[in-house]
C-alpha atoms as a PDB file:
ATOM      1  CA  UNK A   1      13.668   1.017   0.504  1.00  0.00           C
ATOM      2  CA  UNK A   2      12.545   2.330  -2.950  1.00  0.00           C
ATOM      3  CA  UNK A   3       8.660   1.879  -4.078  1.00  0.00           C
ATOM      4  CA  UNK A   4       7.336   2.385  -7.070  1.00  0.00           C
ATOM      5  CA  UNK A   5       4.596   4.755  -8.024  1.00  0.00           C
ATOM      6  CA  UNK A   6       2.233   2.483  -7.964  1.00  0.00           C
ATOM      7  CA  UNK A   7       2.857   0.351  -5.008  1.00  0.00           C
ATOM      8  CA  UNK A   8       3.258   4.166  -3.449  1.00  0.00           C
ATOM      9  CA  UNK A   9      -0.766   4.187  -4.983  1.00  0.00           C
ATOM     10  CA  UNK A  10      -1.346   1.147  -3.665  1.00  0.00           C
ATOM     11  CA  UNK A  11      -0.072   1.565   0.237  1.00  0.00           C
ATOM     12  CA  UNK A  12      -1.759   4.824   0.090  1.00  0.00           C
ATOM     13  CA  UNK A  13      -4.900   3.218  -0.246  1.00  0.00           C
ATOM     14  CA  UNK A  14      -4.494   0.413   2.358  1.00  0.00           C
ATOM     15  CA  UNK A  15      -3.720   3.209   4.538  1.00  0.00           C
ATOM     16  CA  UNK A  16      -6.787   4.635   3.732  1.00  0.00           C
ATOM     17  CA  UNK A  17      -8.487   1.127   4.398  1.00  0.00           C
ATOM     18  CA  UNK A  18      -9.315   0.481   0.849  1.00  0.00           C
ATOM     19  CA  UNK A  19      -9.843  -3.339   0.619  1.00  0.00           C
ATOM     20  CA  UNK A  20      -7.668  -4.861  -2.577  1.00  0.00           C
ATOM     21  CA  UNK A  21     -11.094  -4.840  -4.220  1.00  0.00           C
ATOM     22  CA  UNK A  22     -12.092  -1.314  -4.272  1.00  0.00           C
ATOM     23  CA  UNK A  23      -8.199  -0.563  -4.593  1.00  0.00           C
ATOM     24  CA  UNK A  24      -8.292  -2.629  -7.729  1.00  0.00           C
ATOM     25  CA  UNK A  25     -11.228  -0.577  -9.242  1.00  0.00           C
ATOM     26  CA  UNK A  26      -9.924   2.543  -8.200  1.00  0.00           C
ATOM     27  CA  UNK A  27      -6.633   2.103  -9.872  1.00  0.00           C
ATOM     28  CA  UNK A  28      -7.932   0.431 -13.051  1.00  0.00           C
ATOM     29  CA  UNK A  29      -6.296  -2.855 -12.533  1.00  0.00           C
ATOM     30  CA  UNK A  30      -6.955  -6.512 -11.251  1.00  0.00           C
ATOM     31  CA  UNK A  31      -7.134  -7.353  -7.497  1.00  0.00           C
ATOM     32  CA  UNK A  32      -4.524  -9.750  -8.235  1.00  0.00           C
ATOM     33  CA  UNK A  33      -2.270  -7.254  -9.436  1.00  0.00           C
ATOM     34  CA  UNK A  34      -2.816  -5.503  -6.213  1.00  0.00           C
ATOM     35  CA  UNK A  35      -2.584  -8.364  -4.032  1.00  0.00           C
ATOM     36  CA  UNK A  36       1.107  -8.704  -6.084  1.00  0.00           C
ATOM     37  CA  UNK A  37       2.016  -4.990  -5.486  1.00  0.00           C
ATOM     38  CA  UNK A  38       1.244  -5.502  -1.673  1.00  0.00           C
ATOM     39  CA  UNK A  39       3.620  -8.698  -1.987  1.00  0.00           C
ATOM     40  CA  UNK A  40       6.210  -6.544  -3.182  1.00  0.00           C
ATOM     41  CA  UNK A  41       5.642  -3.986  -0.486  1.00  0.00           C
ATOM     42  CA  UNK A  42       6.068  -6.625   2.722  1.00  0.00           C
ATOM     43  CA  UNK A  43       9.018  -8.185   1.014  1.00  0.00           C
ATOM     44  CA  UNK A  44      10.506  -4.558   0.864  1.00  0.00           C
ATOM     45  CA  UNK A  45       9.711  -3.841   4.322  1.00  0.00           C
ATOM     46  CA  UNK A  46      10.273  -7.320   5.606  1.00  0.00           C
ATOM     47  CA  UNK A  47       6.695  -7.457   6.979  1.00  0.00           C
ATOM     48  CA  UNK A  48       3.875  -9.704   6.410  1.00  0.00           C
ATOM     49  CA  UNK A  49       0.533  -7.603   7.116  1.00  0.00           C
ATOM     50  CA  UNK A  50      -1.238  -4.444   5.886  1.00  0.00           C
ATOM     51  CA  UNK A  51      -1.143  -3.076   9.438  1.00  0.00           C
ATOM     52  CA  UNK A  52       2.768  -3.389   9.667  1.00  0.00           C
ATOM     53  CA  UNK A  53       3.452  -1.972   6.074  1.00  0.00           C
ATOM     54  CA  UNK A  54       1.330   0.984   7.005  1.00  0.00           C
ATOM     55  CA  UNK A  55       3.812   1.560  10.287  1.00  0.00           C
ATOM     56  CA  UNK A  56       6.724   0.946   8.613  1.00  0.00           C
ATOM     57  CA  UNK A  57       5.713   3.184   5.725  1.00  0.00           C
ATOM     58  CA  UNK A  58       4.578   5.900   8.287  1.00  0.00           C
ATOM     59  CA  UNK A  59       8.181   5.618  10.535  1.00  0.00           C
ATOM     60  CA  UNK A  60       9.935   6.039   7.143  1.00  0.00           C
ATOM     61  CA  UNK A  61       7.948   9.092   6.144  1.00  0.00           C
ATOM     62  CA  UNK A  62       6.791   7.237   3.314  1.00  0.00           C
ATOM     63  CA  UNK A  63       2.738   8.285   4.044  1.00  0.00           C
ATOM     64  CA  UNK A  64       1.750  11.464   5.320  1.00  0.00           C
ATOM     65  CA  UNK A  65      -1.447  12.233   7.422  1.00  0.00           C
ATOM     66  CA  UNK A  66      -3.654  12.980   4.486  1.00  0.00           C
ATOM     67  CA  UNK A  67      -2.744   9.264   3.023  1.00  0.00           C
ATOM     68  CA  UNK A  68      -4.209   7.853   5.829  1.00  0.00           C
ATOM     69  CA  UNK A  69      -7.334  10.472   6.201  1.00  0.00           C
ATOM     70  CA  UNK A  70      -8.491   9.945   2.488  1.00  0.00           C
END
């Protein structure tokens, strides 16, 4: 599974516990765009929640402990 750079940024922010609104402000994009990136990540991973996406990303080595701790 290949994620775009932006999807990786969104996923790392989700792993830190940021909300869509916070992610949008941090990355300078709209909340709607954040949700679109999340939908793409969910589709690529075959999951339907943030927690499941983080679990899959962690298992596949796509996020590091640094991402989880902020």
